[in-house]
PDB file of N, CA and C in Angstrom:
ATOM      1  N   UNK A   1       0.830  -1.197   0.000  1.00  0.00           N
ATOM      2  CA  UNK A   1       0.000   0.000   0.000  1.00  0.00           C
ATOM      3  C   UNK A   1       0.868   1.251   0.000  1.00  0.00           C
ATOM      4  N   UNK A   2       0.351   2.289  -0.634  1.00  0.00           N
ATOM      5  CA  UNK A   2       1.033   3.579  -0.598  1.00  0.00           C
ATOM      6  C   UNK A   2       0.979   4.138   0.813  1.00  0.00           C
ATOM      7  N   UNK A   3       1.871   5.054   1.129  1.00  0.00           N
ATOM      8  CA  UNK A   3       1.914   5.616   2.471  1.00  0.00           C
ATOM      9  C   UNK A   3       0.690   6.469   2.792  1.00  0.00           C
ATOM     10  N   UNK A   4      -0.058   6.901   1.782  1.00  0.00           N
ATOM     11  CA  UNK A   4      -1.247   7.712   2.028  1.00  0.00           C
ATOM     12  C   UNK A   4      -2.537   6.892   1.988  1.00  0.00           C
ATOM     13  N   UNK A   5      -2.435   5.556   2.124  1.00  0.00           N
ATOM     14  CA  UNK A   5      -3.602   4.676   2.083  1.00  0.00           C
ATOM     15  C   UNK A   5      -3.690   3.886   3.386  1.00  0.00           C
ATOM     16  N   UNK A   6      -4.889   3.866   3.960  1.00  0.00           N
ATOM     17  CA  UNK A   6      -5.174   3.057   5.139  1.00  0.00           C
ATOM     18  C   UNK A   6      -6.175   1.992   4.716  1.00  0.00           C
ATOM     19  N   UNK A   7      -5.851   0.728   4.971  1.00  0.00           N
ATOM     20  CA  UNK A   7      -6.770  -0.372   4.649  1.00  0.00           C
ATOM     21  C   UNK A   7      -7.341  -0.922   5.940  1.00  0.00           C
ATOM     22  N   UNK A   8      -8.668  -1.039   5.975  1.00  0.00           N
ATOM     23  CA  UNK A   8      -9.347  -1.642   7.117  1.00  0.00           C
ATOM     24  C   UNK A   8     -10.062  -2.886   6.608  1.00  0.00           C
ATOM     25  N   UNK A   9     -10.049  -3.911   7.390  1.00  0.00           N
ATOM     26  CA  UNK A   9     -10.617  -5.179   6.950  1.00  0.00           C
ATOM     27  C   UNK A   9      -9.488  -6.132   6.679  1.00  0.00           C
ATOM     28  N   UNK A  10      -9.778  -7.127   5.900  1.00  0.00           N
ATOM     29  CA  UNK A  10      -8.742  -8.115   5.663  1.00  0.00           C
ATOM     30  C   UNK A  10      -8.797  -8.676   4.274  1.00  0.00           C
ATOM     31  N   UNK A  11      -8.102  -9.739   4.088  1.00  0.00           N
ATOM     32  CA  UNK A  11      -8.021 -10.396   2.793  1.00  0.00           C
ATOM     33  C   UNK A  11      -9.257 -11.232   2.483  1.00  0.00           C
ATOM     34  N   UNK A  12     -10.131 -11.423   3.433  1.00  0.00           N
ATOM     35  CA  UNK A  12     -11.286 -12.276   3.163  1.00  0.00           C
ATOM     36  C   UNK A  12     -10.852 -13.727   3.139  1.00  0.00           C
ATOM     37  N   UNK A  13     -11.355 -14.481   2.191  1.00  0.00           N
ATOM     38  CA  UNK A  13     -11.009 -15.897   2.097  1.00  0.00           C
ATOM     39  C   UNK A  13      -9.519 -16.065   1.825  1.00  0.00           C
ATOM     40  N   UNK A  14      -8.861 -16.846   2.632  1.00  0.00           N
ATOM     41  CA  UNK A  14      -7.412 -17.038   2.511  1.00  0.00           C
ATOM     42  C   UNK A  14      -7.038 -18.010   1.391  1.00  0.00           C
ATOM     43  N   UNK A  15      -7.996 -18.786   0.908  1.00  0.00           N
ATOM     44  CA  UNK A  15      -7.678 -19.774  -0.120  1.00  0.00           C
ATOM     45  C   UNK A  15      -7.699 -19.200  -1.541  1.00  0.00           C
ATOM     46  N   UNK A  16      -7.993 -17.917  -1.678  1.00  0.00           N
ATOM     47  CA  UNK A  16      -7.985 -17.285  -3.000  1.00  0.00           C
ATOM     48  C   UNK A  16      -6.560 -16.790  -3.260  1.00  0.00           C
ATOM     49  N   UNK A  17      -5.899 -17.312  -4.294  1.00  0.00           N
ATOM     50  CA  UNK A  17      -4.476 -17.013  -4.504  1.00  0.00           C
ATOM     51  C   UNK A  17      -4.190 -15.696  -5.230  1.00  0.00           C
ATOM     52  N   UNK A  18      -5.197 -14.849  -5.422  1.00  0.00           N
ATOM     53  CA  UNK A  18      -4.977 -13.604  -6.155  1.00  0.00           C
ATOM     54  C   UNK A  18      -5.870 -12.510  -5.584  1.00  0.00           C
ATOM     55  N   UNK A  19      -5.594 -11.282  -5.992  1.00  0.00           N
ATOM     56  CA  UNK A  19      -6.385 -10.115  -5.588  1.00  0.00           C
ATOM     57  C   UNK A  19      -6.842  -9.366  -6.827  1.00  0.00           C
ATOM     58  N   UNK A  20      -7.959  -8.661  -6.701  1.00  0.00           N
ATOM     59  CA  UNK A  20      -8.365  -7.726  -7.742  1.00  0.00           C
ATOM     60  C   UNK A  20      -7.515  -6.468  -7.598  1.00  0.00           C
ATOM     61  N   UNK A  21      -7.316  -5.766  -8.706  1.00  0.00           N
ATOM     62  CA  UNK A  21      -6.556  -4.515  -8.673  1.00  0.00           C
ATOM     63  C   UNK A  21      -7.509  -3.362  -8.965  1.00  0.00           C
ATOM     64  N   UNK A  22      -7.581  -2.440  -8.036  1.00  0.00           N
ATOM     65  CA  UNK A  22      -8.432  -1.265  -8.166  1.00  0.00           C
ATOM     66  C   UNK A  22      -7.527  -0.044  -8.329  1.00  0.00           C
ATOM     67  N   UNK A  23      -7.626   0.619  -9.489  1.00  0.00           N
ATOM     68  CA  UNK A  23      -6.821   1.806  -9.765  1.00  0.00           C
ATOM     69  C   UNK A  23      -7.721   3.028  -9.685  1.00  0.00           C
ATOM     70  N   UNK A  24      -7.356   3.955  -8.807  1.00  0.00           N
ATOM     71  CA  UNK A  24      -8.128   5.178  -8.616  1.00  0.00           C
ATOM     72  C   UNK A  24      -7.322   6.343  -9.167  1.00  0.00           C
ATOM     73  N   UNK A  25      -7.959   7.142 -10.037  1.00  0.00           N
ATOM     74  CA  UNK A  25      -7.322   8.307 -10.627  1.00  0.00           C
ATOM     75  C   UNK A  25      -8.126   9.547 -10.277  1.00  0.00           C
ATOM     76  N   UNK A  26      -7.448  10.570  -9.797  1.00  0.00           N
ATOM     77  CA  UNK A  26      -8.094  11.835  -9.485  1.00  0.00           C
ATOM     78  C   UNK A  26      -7.991  12.753 -10.698  1.00  0.00           C
ATOM     79  N   UNK A  27      -9.044  12.761 -11.519  1.00  0.00           N
ATOM     80  CA  UNK A  27      -9.104  13.627 -12.698  1.00  0.00           C
ATOM     81  C   UNK A  27     -10.051  14.803 -12.457  1.00  0.00           C
ATOM     82  N   UNK A  28     -10.331  15.086 -11.188  1.00  0.00           N
ATOM     83  CA  UNK A  28     -11.304  16.129 -10.838  1.00  0.00           C
ATOM     84  C   UNK A  28     -10.743  17.543 -10.975  1.00  0.00           C
ATOM     85  N   UNK A  29      -9.428  17.660 -11.010  1.00  0.00           N
ATOM     86  CA  UNK A  29      -8.822  18.991 -11.028  1.00  0.00           C
ATOM     87  C   UNK A  29      -8.719  19.599  -9.645  1.00  0.00           C
ATOM     88  N   UNK A  30      -9.148  18.858  -8.618  1.00  0.00           N
ATOM     89  CA  UNK A  30      -9.103  19.345  -7.244  1.00  0.00           C
ATOM     90  C   UNK A  30      -8.299  18.392  -6.367  1.00  0.00           C
ATOM     91  N   UNK A  31      -7.695  18.935  -5.340  1.00  0.00           N
ATOM     92  CA  UNK A  31      -6.956  18.122  -4.380  1.00  0.00           C
ATOM     93  C   UNK A  31      -7.965  17.416  -3.482  1.00  0.00           C
ATOM     94  N   UNK A  32      -7.867  16.089  -3.377  1.00  0.00           N
ATOM     95  CA  UNK A  32      -8.773  15.341  -2.512  1.00  0.00           C
ATOM     96  C   UNK A  32      -8.133  15.189  -1.139  1.00  0.00           C
ATOM     97  N   UNK A  33      -8.803  15.706  -0.140  1.00  0.00           N
ATOM     98  CA  UNK A  33      -8.318  15.587   1.233  1.00  0.00           C
ATOM     99  C   UNK A  33      -8.371  14.126   1.661  1.00  0.00           C
ATOM    100  N   UNK A  34      -9.516  13.487   1.381  1.00  0.00           N
ATOM    101  CA  UNK A  34      -9.600  12.046   1.586  1.00  0.00           C
ATOM    102  C   UNK A  34     -10.668  11.445   0.686  1.00  0.00           C
ATOM    103  N   UNK A  35     -10.528  10.153   0.451  1.00  0.00           N
ATOM    104  CA  UNK A  35     -11.452   9.370  -0.354  1.00  0.00           C
ATOM    105  C   UNK A  35     -11.638   8.038   0.351  1.00  0.00           C
ATOM    106  N   UNK A  36     -12.886   7.658   0.585  1.00  0.00           N
ATOM    107  CA  UNK A  36     -13.189   6.367   1.213  1.00  0.00           C
ATOM    108  C   UNK A  36     -13.813   5.447   0.173  1.00  0.00           C
ATOM    109  N   UNK A  37     -13.318   4.217   0.108  1.00  0.00           N
ATOM    110  CA  UNK A  37     -13.835   3.224  -0.819  1.00  0.00           C
ATOM    111  C   UNK A  37     -14.266   2.005  -0.007  1.00  0.00           C
ATOM    112  N   UNK A  38     -15.521   1.602  -0.156  1.00  0.00           N
ATOM    113  CA  UNK A  38     -16.033   0.389   0.491  1.00  0.00           C
ATOM    114  C   UNK A  38     -16.156  -0.679  -0.581  1.00  0.00           C
ATOM    115  N   UNK A  39     -15.190  -1.577  -0.621  1.00  0.00           N
ATOM    116  CA  UNK A  39     -15.128  -2.605  -1.659  1.00  0.00           C
ATOM    117  C   UNK A  39     -15.458  -3.947  -1.019  1.00  0.00           C
ATOM    118  N   UNK A  40     -16.637  -4.440  -1.281  1.00  0.00           N
ATOM    119  CA  UNK A  40     -17.158  -5.661  -0.700  1.00  0.00           C
ATOM    120  C   UNK A  40     -17.235  -5.500   0.810  1.00  0.00           C
ATOM    121  N   UNK A  41     -17.470  -6.569   1.525  1.00  0.00           N
ATOM    122  CA  UNK A  41     -17.617  -6.486   2.979  1.00  0.00           C
ATOM    123  C   UNK A  41     -16.284  -6.487   3.692  1.00  0.00           C
ATOM    124  N   UNK A  42     -15.251  -6.941   3.029  1.00  0.00           N
ATOM    125  CA  UNK A  42     -13.994  -7.131   3.739  1.00  0.00           C
ATOM    126  C   UNK A  42     -12.932  -6.071   3.470  1.00  0.00           C
ATOM    127  N   UNK A  43     -13.172  -5.129   2.584  1.00  0.00           N
ATOM    128  CA  UNK A  43     -12.156  -4.117   2.273  1.00  0.00           C
ATOM    129  C   UNK A  43     -12.740  -2.712   2.333  1.00  0.00           C
ATOM    130  N   UNK A  44     -12.194  -1.902   3.218  1.00  0.00           N
ATOM    131  CA  UNK A  44     -12.499  -0.473   3.266  1.00  0.00           C
ATOM    132  C   UNK A  44     -11.156   0.249   3.193  1.00  0.00           C
ATOM    133  N   UNK A  45     -11.064   1.198   2.291  1.00  0.00           N
ATOM    134  CA  UNK A  45      -9.829   1.940   2.099  1.00  0.00           C
ATOM    135  C   UNK A  45     -10.077   3.417   2.339  1.00  0.00           C
ATOM    136  N   UNK A  46      -9.099   4.077   2.950  1.00  0.00           N
ATOM    137  CA  UNK A  46      -9.089   5.530   3.076  1.00  0.00           C
ATOM    138  C   UNK A  46      -7.826   6.002   2.352  1.00  0.00           C
ATOM    139  N   UNK A  47      -8.021   6.830   1.341  1.00  0.00           N
ATOM    140  CA  UNK A  47      -6.900   7.407   0.596  1.00  0.00           C
ATOM    141  C   UNK A  47      -6.830   8.877   1.004  1.00  0.00           C
ATOM    142  N   UNK A  48      -5.679   9.298   1.499  1.00  0.00           N
ATOM    143  CA  UNK A  48      -5.500  10.658   1.979  1.00  0.00           C
ATOM    144  C   UNK A  48      -4.620  11.460   1.024  1.00  0.00           C
ATOM    145  N   UNK A  49      -4.959  12.739   0.885  1.00  0.00           N
ATOM    146  CA  UNK A  49      -4.127  13.702   0.149  1.00  0.00           C
ATOM    147  C   UNK A  49      -3.777  13.228  -1.263  1.00  0.00           C
ATOM    148  N   UNK A  50      -4.819  13.055  -2.082  1.00  0.00           N
ATOM    149  CA  UNK A  50      -4.606  12.654  -3.477  1.00  0.00           C
ATOM    150  C   UNK A  50      -4.674  13.899  -4.359  1.00  0.00           C
ATOM    151  N   UNK A  51      -3.537  14.329  -4.919  1.00  0.00           N
ATOM    152  CA  UNK A  51      -3.511  15.568  -5.701  1.00  0.00           C
ATOM    153  C   UNK A  51      -4.198  15.402  -7.060  1.00  0.00           C
ATOM    154  N   UNK A  52      -4.512  16.519  -7.726  1.00  0.00           N
ATOM    155  CA  UNK A  52      -5.057  16.436  -9.082  1.00  0.00           C
ATOM    156  C   UNK A  52      -4.100  15.640  -9.970  1.00  0.00           C
ATOM    157  N   UNK A  53      -4.624  14.706 -10.719  1.00  0.00           N
ATOM    158  CA  UNK A  53      -3.804  13.861 -11.580  1.00  0.00           C
ATOM    159  C   UNK A  53      -3.171  12.691 -10.847  1.00  0.00           C
ATOM    160  N   UNK A  54      -3.338  12.632  -9.523  1.00  0.00           N
ATOM    161  CA  UNK A  54      -2.753  11.554  -8.735  1.00  0.00           C
ATOM    162  C   UNK A  54      -3.462  10.233  -8.968  1.00  0.00           C
ATOM    163  N   UNK A  55      -2.735   9.173  -8.719  1.00  0.00           N
ATOM    164  CA  UNK A  55      -3.279   7.825  -8.939  1.00  0.00           C
ATOM    165  C   UNK A  55      -2.768   6.906  -7.838  1.00  0.00           C
ATOM    166  N   UNK A  56      -3.619   5.972  -7.430  1.00  0.00           N
ATOM    167  CA  UNK A  56      -3.232   4.979  -6.438  1.00  0.00           C
ATOM    168  C   UNK A  56      -3.806   3.628  -6.868  1.00  0.00           C
ATOM    169  N   UNK A  57      -3.042   2.558  -6.613  1.00  0.00           N
ATOM    170  CA  UNK A  57      -3.491   1.201  -6.935  1.00  0.00           C
ATOM    171  C   UNK A  57      -3.675   0.431  -5.641  1.00  0.00           C
ATOM    172  N   UNK A  58      -4.814  -0.277  -5.552  1.00  0.00           N
ATOM    173  CA  UNK A  58      -5.151  -1.040  -4.365  1.00  0.00           C
ATOM    174  C   UNK A  58      -5.362  -2.501  -4.733  1.00  0.00           C
ATOM    175  N   UNK A  59      -4.958  -3.387  -3.850  1.00  0.00           N
ATOM    176  CA  UNK A  59      -5.258  -4.814  -3.997  1.00  0.00           C
ATOM    177  C   UNK A  59      -6.466  -5.116  -3.137  1.00  0.00           C
ATOM    178  N   UNK A  60      -7.479  -5.732  -3.714  1.00  0.00           N
ATOM    179  CA  UNK A  60      -8.730  -5.985  -3.009  1.00  0.00           C
ATOM    180  C   UNK A  60      -9.135  -7.450  -3.103  1.00  0.00           C
ATOM    181  N   UNK A  61      -9.831  -7.900  -2.082  1.00  0.00           N
ATOM    182  CA  UNK A  61     -10.337  -9.262  -2.063  1.00  0.00           C
ATOM    183  C   UNK A  61     -11.319  -9.469  -3.214  1.00  0.00           C
ATOM    184  N   UNK A  62     -11.136 -10.506  -4.023  1.00  0.00           N
ATOM    185  CA  UNK A  62     -12.083 -10.790  -5.102  1.00  0.00           C
ATOM    186  C   UNK A  62     -13.490 -11.056  -4.547  1.00  0.00           C
ATOM    187  N   UNK A  63     -14.484 -10.769  -5.340  1.00  0.00           N
ATOM    188  CA  UNK A  63     -15.875 -10.902  -4.921  1.00  0.00           C
ATOM    189  C   UNK A  63     -16.630 -11.788  -5.891  1.00  0.00           C
ATOM    190  N   UNK A  64     -17.729 -12.345  -5.438  1.00  0.00           N
ATOM    191  CA  UNK A  64     -18.614 -13.110  -6.310  1.00  0.00           C
ATOM    192  C   UNK A  64     -20.052 -12.646  -6.080  1.00  0.00           C
ATOM    193  N   UNK A  65     -20.908 -12.950  -7.052  1.00  0.00           N
ATOM    194  CA  UNK A  65     -22.336 -12.666  -6.942  1.00  0.00           C
ATOM    195  C   UNK A  65     -23.105 -13.942  -7.254  1.00  0.00           C
ATOM    196  N   UNK A  66     -24.374 -13.927  -6.960  1.00  0.00           N
ATOM    197  CA  UNK A  66     -25.239 -15.016  -7.412  1.00  0.00           C
ATOM    198  C   UNK A  66     -25.504 -14.784  -8.890  1.00  0.00           C
ATOM    199  N   UNK A  67     -25.882 -15.824  -9.592  1.00  0.00           N
ATOM    200  CA  UNK A  67     -26.174 -15.683 -11.022  1.00  0.00           C
ATOM    201  C   UNK A  67     -27.276 -14.644 -11.207  1.00  0.00           C
ATOM    202  N   UNK A  68     -27.035 -13.688 -12.075  1.00  0.00           N
ATOM    203  CA  UNK A  68     -27.991 -12.612 -12.313  1.00  0.00           C
ATOM    204  C   UNK A  68     -27.826 -11.433 -11.365  1.00  0.00           C
ATOM    205  N   UNK A  69     -26.972 -11.577 -10.354  1.00  0.00           N
ATOM    206  CA  UNK A  69     -26.738 -10.495  -9.399  1.00  0.00           C
ATOM    207  C   UNK A  69     -25.726  -9.501  -9.935  1.00  0.00           C
ATOM    208  N   UNK A  70     -25.660  -8.374  -9.298  1.00  0.00           N
ATOM    209  CA  UNK A  70     -24.698  -7.369  -9.729  1.00  0.00           C
ATOM    210  C   UNK A  70     -23.941  -6.848  -8.518  1.00  0.00           C
ATOM    211  N   UNK A  71     -22.617  -6.793  -8.647  1.00  0.00           N
ATOM    212  CA  UNK A  71     -21.784  -6.256  -7.584  1.00  0.00           C
ATOM    213  C   UNK A  71     -21.541  -4.779  -7.844  1.00  0.00           C
ATOM    214  N   UNK A  72     -21.600  -4.006  -6.801  1.00  0.00           N
ATOM    215  CA  UNK A  72     -21.254  -2.592  -6.902  1.00  0.00           C
ATOM    216  C   UNK A  72     -20.511  -2.201  -5.628  1.00  0.00           C
ATOM    217  N   UNK A  73     -19.800  -1.094  -5.684  1.00  0.00           N
ATOM    218  CA  UNK A  73     -19.151  -0.592  -4.484  1.00  0.00           C
ATOM    219  C   UNK A  73     -19.333   0.914  -4.413  1.00  0.00           C
ATOM    220  N   UNK A  74     -19.227   1.428  -3.216  1.00  0.00           N
ATOM    221  CA  UNK A  74     -19.441   2.845  -2.998  1.00  0.00           C
ATOM    222  C   UNK A  74     -18.156   3.566  -2.655  1.00  0.00           C
ATOM    223  N   UNK A  75     -18.161   4.865  -2.927  1.00  0.00           N
ATOM    224  CA  UNK A  75     -17.013   5.695  -2.580  1.00  0.00           C
ATOM    225  C   UNK A  75     -17.484   7.117  -2.365  1.00  0.00           C
ATOM    226  N   UNK A  76     -16.682   7.876  -1.673  1.00  0.00           N
ATOM    227  CA  UNK A  76     -16.990   9.271  -1.416  1.00  0.00           C
ATOM    228  C   UNK A  76     -15.803   9.929  -0.741  1.00  0.00           C
ATOM    229  N   UNK A  77     -15.879  11.233  -0.634  1.00  0.00           N
ATOM    230  CA  UNK A  77     -14.779  11.932  -0.004  1.00  0.00           C
ATOM    231  C   UNK A  77     -15.024  13.411   0.100  1.00  0.00           C
ATOM    232  N   UNK A  78     -13.931  14.116   0.399  1.00  0.00           N
ATOM    233  CA  UNK A  78     -13.969  15.562   0.581  1.00  0.00           C
ATOM    234  C   UNK A  78     -12.743  16.164  -0.095  1.00  0.00           C
ATOM    235  N   UNK A  79     -12.957  17.267  -0.802  1.00  0.00           N
ATOM    236  CA  UNK A  79     -11.835  17.974  -1.410  1.00  0.00           C
ATOM    237  C   UNK A  79     -11.173  18.877  -0.369  1.00  0.00           C
ATOM    238  N   UNK A  80     -10.015  19.390  -0.690  1.00  0.00           N
ATOM    239  CA  UNK A  80      -9.321  20.298   0.212  1.00  0.00           C
ATOM    240  C   UNK A  80     -10.142  21.572   0.425  1.00  0.00           C
ATOM    241  N   UNK A  81     -10.983  21.922  -0.555  1.00  0.00           N
ATOM    242  CA  UNK A  81     -11.849  23.098  -0.443  1.00  0.00           C
ATOM    243  C   UNK A  81     -13.124  22.813   0.351  1.00  0.00           C
ATOM    244  N   UNK A  82     -13.299  21.568   0.811  1.00  0.00           N
ATOM    245  CA  UNK A  82     -14.451  21.226   1.634  1.00  0.00           C
ATOM    246  C   UNK A  82     -15.662  20.717   0.872  1.00  0.00           C
ATOM    247  N   UNK A  83     -15.532  20.493  -0.428  1.00  0.00           N
ATOM    248  CA  UNK A  83     -16.653  19.960  -1.212  1.00  0.00           C
ATOM    249  C   UNK A  83     -16.755  18.449  -1.004  1.00  0.00           C
ATOM    250  N   UNK A  84     -17.968  17.970  -0.699  1.00  0.00           N
ATOM    251  CA  UNK A  84     -18.194  16.540  -0.456  1.00  0.00           C
ATOM    252  C   UNK A  84     -18.780  15.886  -1.709  1.00  0.00           C
ATOM    253  N   UNK A  85     -18.464  14.621  -1.897  1.00  0.00           N
ATOM    254  CA  UNK A  85     -19.016  13.873  -3.018  1.00  0.00           C
ATOM    255  C   UNK A  85     -19.191  12.412  -2.614  1.00  0.00           C
ATOM    256  N   UNK A  86     -20.175  11.766  -3.203  1.00  0.00           N
ATOM    257  CA  UNK A  86     -20.394  10.330  -3.017  1.00  0.00           C
ATOM    258  C   UNK A  86     -20.893   9.755  -4.331  1.00  0.00           C
ATOM    259  N   UNK A  87     -20.591   8.502  -4.549  1.00  0.00           N
ATOM    260  CA  UNK A  87     -21.049   7.832  -5.755  1.00  0.00           C
ATOM    261  C   UNK A  87     -20.859   6.330  -5.592  1.00  0.00           C
ATOM    262  N   UNK A  88     -21.127   5.620  -6.651  1.00  0.00           N
ATOM    263  CA  UNK A  88     -20.936   4.179  -6.665  1.00  0.00           C
ATOM    264  C   UNK A  88     -20.564   3.722  -8.061  1.00  0.00           C
ATOM    265  N   UNK A  89     -20.100   2.502  -8.122  1.00  0.00           N
ATOM    266  CA  UNK A  89     -19.702   1.933  -9.410  1.00  0.00           C
ATOM    267  C   UNK A  89     -20.256   0.522  -9.499  1.00  0.00           C
ATOM    268  N   UNK A  90     -20.959   0.222 -10.592  1.00  0.00           N
ATOM    269  CA  UNK A  90     -21.512  -1.116 -10.820  1.00  0.00           C
ATOM    270  C   UNK A  90     -20.548  -1.909 -11.682  1.00  0.00           C
ATOM    271  N   UNK A  91     -20.298  -3.151 -11.247  1.00  0.00           N
ATOM    272  CA  UNK A  91     -19.320  -3.980 -11.945  1.00  0.00           C
ATOM    273  C   UNK A  91     -19.905  -5.239 -12.559  1.00  0.00           C
ATOM    274  N   UNK A  92     -21.173  -5.481 -12.373  1.00  0.00           N
ATOM    275  CA  UNK A  92     -21.808  -6.615 -13.021  1.00  0.00           C
ATOM    276  C   UNK A  92     -21.702  -7.912 -12.257  1.00  0.00           C
ATOM    277  N   UNK A  93     -22.060  -8.974 -12.936  1.00  0.00           N
ATOM    278  CA  UNK A  93     -22.093 -10.320 -12.365  1.00  0.00           C
ATOM    279  C   UNK A  93     -20.705 -10.954 -12.356  1.00  0.00           C
ATOM    280  N   UNK A  94     -20.441 -11.720 -11.313  1.00  0.00           N
ATOM    281  CA  UNK A  94     -19.202 -12.508 -11.243  1.00  0.00           C
ATOM    282  C   UNK A  94     -19.507 -13.739 -10.406  1.00  0.00           C
ATOM    283  N   UNK A  95     -19.901 -14.800 -11.079  1.00  0.00           N
ATOM    284  CA  UNK A  95     -20.312 -16.027 -10.398  1.00  0.00           C
ATOM    285  C   UNK A  95     -19.099 -16.854  -9.993  1.00  0.00           C
ATOM    286  N   UNK A  96     -18.077 -16.888 -10.833  1.00  0.00           N
ATOM    287  CA  UNK A  96     -16.879 -17.685 -10.554  1.00  0.00           C
ATOM    288  C   UNK A  96     -15.663 -16.783 -10.403  1.00  0.00           C
ATOM    289  N   UNK A  97     -14.764 -17.188  -9.524  1.00  0.00           N
ATOM    290  CA  UNK A  97     -13.486 -16.483  -9.380  1.00  0.00           C
ATOM    291  C   UNK A  97     -12.500 -17.109 -10.355  1.00  0.00           C
ATOM    292  N   UNK A  98     -12.542 -16.628 -11.601  1.00  0.00           N
ATOM    293  CA  UNK A  98     -11.724 -17.198 -12.665  1.00  0.00           C
ATOM    294  C   UNK A  98     -10.400 -16.466 -12.850  1.00  0.00           C
ATOM    295  N   UNK A  99     -10.105 -15.531 -11.979  1.00  0.00           N
ATOM    296  CA  UNK A  99      -8.859 -14.783 -12.070  1.00  0.00           C
ATOM    297  C   UNK A  99      -9.065 -13.365 -11.598  1.00  0.00           C
ATOM    298  N   UNK A 100      -7.983 -12.633 -11.444  1.00  0.00           N
ATOM    299  CA  UNK A 100      -8.089 -11.261 -10.946  1.00  0.00           C
ATOM    300  C   UNK A 100      -8.748 -10.331 -11.961  1.00  0.00           C
ATOM    301  N   UNK A 101      -9.385  -9.305 -11.438  1.00  0.00           N
ATOM    302  CA  UNK A 101      -9.975  -8.264 -12.288  1.00  0.00           C
ATOM    303  C   UNK A 101      -9.234  -6.961 -12.066  1.00  0.00           C
ATOM    304  N   UNK A 102      -9.119  -6.192 -13.137  1.00  0.00           N
ATOM    305  CA  UNK A 102      -8.543  -4.857 -13.054  1.00  0.00           C
ATOM    306  C   UNK A 102      -9.697  -3.871 -13.204  1.00  0.00           C
ATOM    307  N   UNK A 103      -9.876  -3.040 -12.197  1.00  0.00           N
ATOM    308  CA  UNK A 103     -10.993  -2.104 -12.147  1.00  0.00           C
ATOM    309  C   UNK A 103     -10.424  -0.698 -12.074  1.00  0.00           C
ATOM    310  N   UNK A 104     -10.905   0.187 -12.937  1.00  0.00           N
ATOM    311  CA  UNK A 104     -10.436   1.574 -12.962  1.00  0.00           C
ATOM    312  C   UNK A 104     -11.557   2.499 -12.507  1.00  0.00           C
ATOM    313  N   UNK A 105     -11.261   3.313 -11.504  1.00  0.00           N
ATOM    314  CA  UNK A 105     -12.191   4.308 -10.995  1.00  0.00           C
ATOM    315  C   UNK A 105     -11.565   5.684 -11.207  1.00  0.00           C
ATOM    316  N   UNK A 106     -12.274   6.555 -11.924  1.00  0.00           N
ATOM    317  CA  UNK A 106     -11.783   7.901 -12.171  1.00  0.00           C
ATOM    318  C   UNK A 106     -12.733   8.907 -11.519  1.00  0.00           C
ATOM    319  N   UNK A 107     -12.179   9.736 -10.651  1.00  0.00           N
ATOM    320  CA  UNK A 107     -12.968  10.805 -10.021  1.00  0.00           C
ATOM    321  C   UNK A 107     -12.921  11.995 -10.984  1.00  0.00           C
ATOM    322  N   UNK A 108     -14.093  12.355 -11.519  1.00  0.00           N
ATOM    323  CA  UNK A 108     -14.160  13.398 -12.541  1.00  0.00           C
ATOM    324  C   UNK A 108     -14.675  14.726 -11.954  1.00  0.00           C
ATOM    325  N   UNK A 109     -14.491  15.824 -12.688  1.00  0.00           N
ATOM    326  CA  UNK A 109     -14.968  17.127 -12.199  1.00  0.00           C
ATOM    327  C   UNK A 109     -16.473  17.155 -11.966  1.00  0.00           C
ATOM    328  N   UNK A 110     -17.264  16.469 -12.795  1.00  0.00           N
ATOM    329  CA  UNK A 110     -18.716  16.538 -12.636  1.00  0.00           C
ATOM    330  C   UNK A 110     -19.203  15.789 -11.388  1.00  0.00           C
ATOM    331  N   UNK A 111     -18.379  14.918 -10.810  1.00  0.00           N
ATOM    332  CA  UNK A 111     -18.764  14.244  -9.586  1.00  0.00           C
ATOM    333  C   UNK A 111     -18.665  15.159  -8.373  1.00  0.00           C
ATOM    334  N   UNK A 112     -17.862  16.196  -8.490  1.00  0.00           N
ATOM    335  CA  UNK A 112     -17.637  17.113  -7.379  1.00  0.00           C
ATOM    336  C   UNK A 112     -18.342  18.436  -7.704  1.00  0.00           C
ATOM    337  N   UNK A 113     -19.404  18.689  -7.013  1.00  0.00           N
ATOM    338  CA  UNK A 113     -20.202  19.907  -7.256  1.00  0.00           C
ATOM    339  C   UNK A 113     -20.006  20.917  -6.149  1.00  0.00           C
TER     340      UNK A 113
END
């Protein structure tokens, strides 16, 4: 983990030999004081002091859904100017853990009002 990231929770199931990769990019044009990401039940991340154009990569416990189900995760934070934002990202169905997934999350200017 980067020095500006706090991970709460754990790896989840220990028998899974891989992690998903979550890449967060701050394309908002604003300095993010902090960003919280709730990824499944076992991973909560706090990213502190992410500058405009900054990027951080996180390893997260892989997730599964029931057939026809959809996995999503939530995130939110505060800019250095005190503007708050929250949102979510839908990732679709994942019935089998057939390998790691690479997920890209971009914080855009329109998300921060």
